[in-house]
Amino acid sequence: MTDRDDFLAWVETALYEAELALHNGDAAPRRALWSRNEPVSVLGAWRNAYGQQELDGLFTALGRSFSDCTSYVFELRAYGVSGDMAYTAGLEHISASVDGEPRTYTLRVRVEGGPPSR
């Protein structure tokens, strides 16, 4: 397998499962995927975070906000790997409760970082 194949497999399994768990109120799998090295940031749909402390607060708040996910589909539009950097670009189609209110929405998302360790 190529680095690109390995990354796509990771996106379709670990990343997908972490996002599904987050939308069911469990932020731990997503946090486990995120770097523990500085600098680190999230430019998010709900709010931004810079540094480990803000990242932990963001993921905790998101976990508390989401529940009862009935549908999570990540429509991958593009992805790439170059050395120790990788990215995805796509659409998240989500049906979940946000602060107890059922919602259905689509977000444009881009994830950048290093490919998972082997």
C-alpha atoms as a PDB file:
ATOM      1  CA  MET A   1       0.000   0.000   0.000  1.00  0.00           C
ATOM      2  CA  THR A   2       1.081   3.568  -0.631  1.00  0.00           C
ATOM      3  CA  ASP A   3       1.068   6.370   1.947  1.00  0.00           C
ATOM      4  CA  ARG A   4      -1.989   7.720   0.160  1.00  0.00           C
ATOM      5  CA  ASP A   5      -3.795   4.366   0.472  1.00  0.00           C
ATOM      6  CA  ASP A   6      -2.860   4.108   4.158  1.00  0.00           C
ATOM      7  CA  PHE A   7      -4.139   7.634   4.802  1.00  0.00           C
ATOM      8  CA  LEU A   8      -7.428   6.986   3.003  1.00  0.00           C
ATOM      9  CA  ALA A   9      -7.927   3.803   5.042  1.00  0.00           C
ATOM     10  CA  TRP A  10      -7.321   5.821   8.236  1.00  0.00           C
ATOM     11  CA  VAL A  11      -9.802   8.523   7.135  1.00  0.00           C
ATOM     12  CA  GLU A  12     -12.446   5.891   6.406  1.00  0.00           C
ATOM     13  CA  THR A  13     -11.969   4.070   9.740  1.00  0.00           C
ATOM     14  CA  ALA A  14     -10.344   5.882  12.679  1.00  0.00           C
ATOM     15  CA  LEU A  15     -11.271   9.430  11.649  1.00  0.00           C
ATOM     16  CA  TYR A  16     -14.817   8.430  10.673  1.00  0.00           C
ATOM     17  CA  GLU A  17     -15.327   6.519  13.939  1.00  0.00           C
ATOM     18  CA  ALA A  18     -13.983   9.445  15.991  1.00  0.00           C
ATOM     19  CA  GLU A  19     -16.341  11.900  14.297  1.00  0.00           C
ATOM     20  CA  LEU A  20     -19.313   9.563  14.733  1.00  0.00           C
ATOM     21  CA  ALA A  21     -18.453   9.154  18.435  1.00  0.00           C
ATOM     22  CA  LEU A  22     -18.179  12.943  18.834  1.00  0.00           C
ATOM     23  CA  HIS A  23     -21.643  13.420  17.361  1.00  0.00           C
ATOM     24  CA  ASN A  24     -22.916  10.894  19.913  1.00  0.00           C
ATOM     25  CA  GLY A  25     -21.363  12.896  22.764  1.00  0.00           C
ATOM     26  CA  ASP A  26     -17.996  11.130  23.164  1.00  0.00           C
ATOM     27  CA  ALA A  27     -15.097  13.472  22.352  1.00  0.00           C
ATOM     28  CA  ALA A  28     -12.345  11.110  23.591  1.00  0.00           C
ATOM     29  CA  PRO A  29     -11.717   9.315  20.255  1.00  0.00           C
ATOM     30  CA  ARG A  30     -11.395  12.627  18.404  1.00  0.00           C
ATOM     31  CA  ARG A  31      -9.067  14.056  21.042  1.00  0.00           C
ATOM     32  CA  ALA A  32      -6.931  10.915  20.832  1.00  0.00           C
ATOM     33  CA  LEU A  33      -6.324  11.601  17.133  1.00  0.00           C
ATOM     34  CA  TRP A  34      -5.185  15.179  17.691  1.00  0.00           C
ATOM     35  CA  SER A  35      -1.554  16.149  18.141  1.00  0.00           C
ATOM     36  CA  ARG A  36      -0.175  16.669  21.636  1.00  0.00           C
ATOM     37  CA  ASN A  37       2.636  18.787  20.170  1.00  0.00           C
ATOM     38  CA  GLU A  38       2.564  22.562  19.992  1.00  0.00           C
ATOM     39  CA  PRO A  39       1.639  24.483  18.015  1.00  0.00           C
ATOM     40  CA  VAL A  40      -1.797  23.002  17.454  1.00  0.00           C
ATOM     41  CA  SER A  41      -5.073  24.669  16.515  1.00  0.00           C
ATOM     42  CA  VAL A  42      -8.616  24.117  15.309  1.00  0.00           C
ATOM     43  CA  LEU A  43     -10.418  26.548  13.044  1.00  0.00           C
ATOM     44  CA  GLY A  44     -13.848  25.134  13.645  1.00  0.00           C
ATOM     45  CA  ALA A  45     -17.428  25.620  12.584  1.00  0.00           C
ATOM     46  CA  TRP A  46     -18.553  26.205  16.192  1.00  0.00           C
ATOM     47  CA  ARG A  47     -15.442  27.894  17.598  1.00  0.00           C
ATOM     48  CA  ASN A  48     -11.666  28.062  17.227  1.00  0.00           C
ATOM     49  CA  ALA A  49      -9.020  26.774  19.630  1.00  0.00           C
ATOM     50  CA  TYR A  50      -5.296  27.469  19.935  1.00  0.00           C
ATOM     51  CA  GLY A  51      -3.029  25.321  22.077  1.00  0.00           C
ATOM     52  CA  GLN A  52      -3.620  22.187  24.109  1.00  0.00           C
ATOM     53  CA  GLN A  53      -5.715  23.766  26.872  1.00  0.00           C
ATOM     54  CA  GLU A  54      -8.150  25.423  24.455  1.00  0.00           C
ATOM     55  CA  LEU A  55      -8.289  22.251  22.338  1.00  0.00           C
ATOM     56  CA  ASP A  56      -9.238  20.168  25.383  1.00  0.00           C
ATOM     57  CA  GLY A  57     -11.927  22.707  26.281  1.00  0.00           C
ATOM     58  CA  LEU A  58     -13.280  22.742  22.738  1.00  0.00           C
ATOM     59  CA  PHE A  59     -13.525  18.976  22.457  1.00  0.00           C
ATOM     60  CA  THR A  60     -15.125  18.720  25.918  1.00  0.00           C
ATOM     61  CA  ALA A  61     -17.719  21.353  24.983  1.00  0.00           C
ATOM     62  CA  LEU A  62     -18.471  19.661  21.661  1.00  0.00           C
ATOM     63  CA  GLY A  63     -18.919  16.316  23.395  1.00  0.00           C
ATOM     64  CA  ARG A  64     -21.424  17.897  25.781  1.00  0.00           C
ATOM     65  CA  SER A  65     -23.285  19.612  22.927  1.00  0.00           C
ATOM     66  CA  PHE A  66     -23.814  16.615  20.628  1.00  0.00           C
ATOM     67  CA  SER A  67     -25.958  13.524  21.180  1.00  0.00           C
ATOM     68  CA  ASP A  68     -28.250  11.054  19.450  1.00  0.00           C
ATOM     69  CA  CYS A  69     -26.508  10.985  16.068  1.00  0.00           C
ATOM     70  CA  THR A  70     -28.808   9.243  13.593  1.00  0.00           C
ATOM     71  CA  SER A  71     -26.671   9.859  10.517  1.00  0.00           C
ATOM     72  CA  TYR A  72     -23.072  10.870   9.866  1.00  0.00           C
ATOM     73  CA  VAL A  73     -21.721  10.770   6.310  1.00  0.00           C
ATOM     74  CA  PHE A  74     -18.349  12.191   5.311  1.00  0.00           C
ATOM     75  CA  GLU A  75     -18.368  12.957   1.594  1.00  0.00           C
ATOM     76  CA  LEU A  76     -14.685  13.043   0.739  1.00  0.00           C
ATOM     77  CA  ARG A  77     -14.038  15.420  -2.165  1.00  0.00           C
ATOM     78  CA  ALA A  78     -10.222  15.515  -2.149  1.00  0.00           C
ATOM     79  CA  TYR A  79      -7.277  14.280  -0.136  1.00  0.00           C
ATOM     80  CA  GLY A  80      -3.538  14.085  -0.384  1.00  0.00           C
ATOM     81  CA  VAL A  81      -0.353  13.073   1.344  1.00  0.00           C
ATOM     82  CA  SER A  82       3.065  14.655   0.948  1.00  0.00           C
ATOM     83  CA  GLY A  83       5.791  13.442   3.276  1.00  0.00           C
ATOM     84  CA  ASP A  84       4.654  14.041   6.842  1.00  0.00           C
ATOM     85  CA  MET A  85       1.655  16.214   5.881  1.00  0.00           C
ATOM     86  CA  ALA A  86      -1.820  15.135   4.791  1.00  0.00           C
ATOM     87  CA  TYR A  87      -5.218  16.746   4.215  1.00  0.00           C
ATOM     88  CA  THR A  88      -8.853  16.000   3.473  1.00  0.00           C
ATOM     89  CA  ALA A  89     -11.524  18.256   2.023  1.00  0.00           C
ATOM     90  CA  GLY A  90     -15.151  17.276   1.979  1.00  0.00           C
ATOM     91  CA  LEU A  91     -18.661  17.659   3.305  1.00  0.00           C
ATOM     92  CA  GLU A  92     -20.051  16.310   6.567  1.00  0.00           C
ATOM     93  CA  HIS A  93     -23.761  15.476   6.371  1.00  0.00           C
ATOM     94  CA  ILE A  94     -25.017  15.164   9.943  1.00  0.00           C
ATOM     95  CA  SER A  95     -28.265  14.438  11.749  1.00  0.00           C
ATOM     96  CA  ALA A  96     -27.759  14.718  15.497  1.00  0.00           C
ATOM     97  CA  SER A  97     -29.049  16.598  18.502  1.00  0.00           C
ATOM     98  CA  VAL A  98     -27.197  19.806  19.316  1.00  0.00           C
ATOM     99  CA  ASP A  99     -27.857  20.997  22.862  1.00  0.00           C
ATOM    100  CA  GLY A 100     -30.834  18.630  22.956  1.00  0.00           C
ATOM    101  CA  GLU A 101     -32.429  19.882  19.729  1.00  0.00           C
ATOM    102  CA  PRO A 102     -32.504  17.523  16.703  1.00  0.00           C
ATOM    103  CA  ARG A 103     -30.745  19.093  13.727  1.00  0.00           C
ATOM    104  CA  THR A 104     -29.721  18.127  10.224  1.00  0.00           C
ATOM    105  CA  TYR A 105     -26.958  20.097   8.555  1.00  0.00           C
ATOM    106  CA  THR A 106     -24.004  19.966   6.180  1.00  0.00           C
ATOM    107  CA  LEU A 107     -20.559  21.392   6.939  1.00  0.00           C
ATOM    108  CA  ARG A 108     -17.652  21.979   4.591  1.00  0.00           C
ATOM    109  CA  VAL A 109     -14.601  20.543   6.307  1.00  0.00           C
ATOM    110  CA  ARG A 110     -10.883  20.457   5.729  1.00  0.00           C
ATOM    111  CA  VAL A 111      -8.558  18.515   7.962  1.00  0.00           C
ATOM    112  CA  GLU A 112      -4.808  19.007   7.789  1.00  0.00           C
ATOM    113  CA  GLY A 113      -2.077  17.309   9.717  1.00  0.00           C
ATOM    114  CA  GLY A 114       0.329  14.457   9.592  1.00  0.00           C
ATOM    115  CA  PRO A 115      -0.686  11.013   8.433  1.00  0.00           C
ATOM    116  CA  PRO A 116      -1.226   8.489  11.219  1.00  0.00           C
ATOM    117  CA  SER A 117       1.825   6.714  12.579  1.00  0.00           C
ATOM    118  CA  ARG A 118       2.414   3.223  11.345  1.00  0.00           C
END
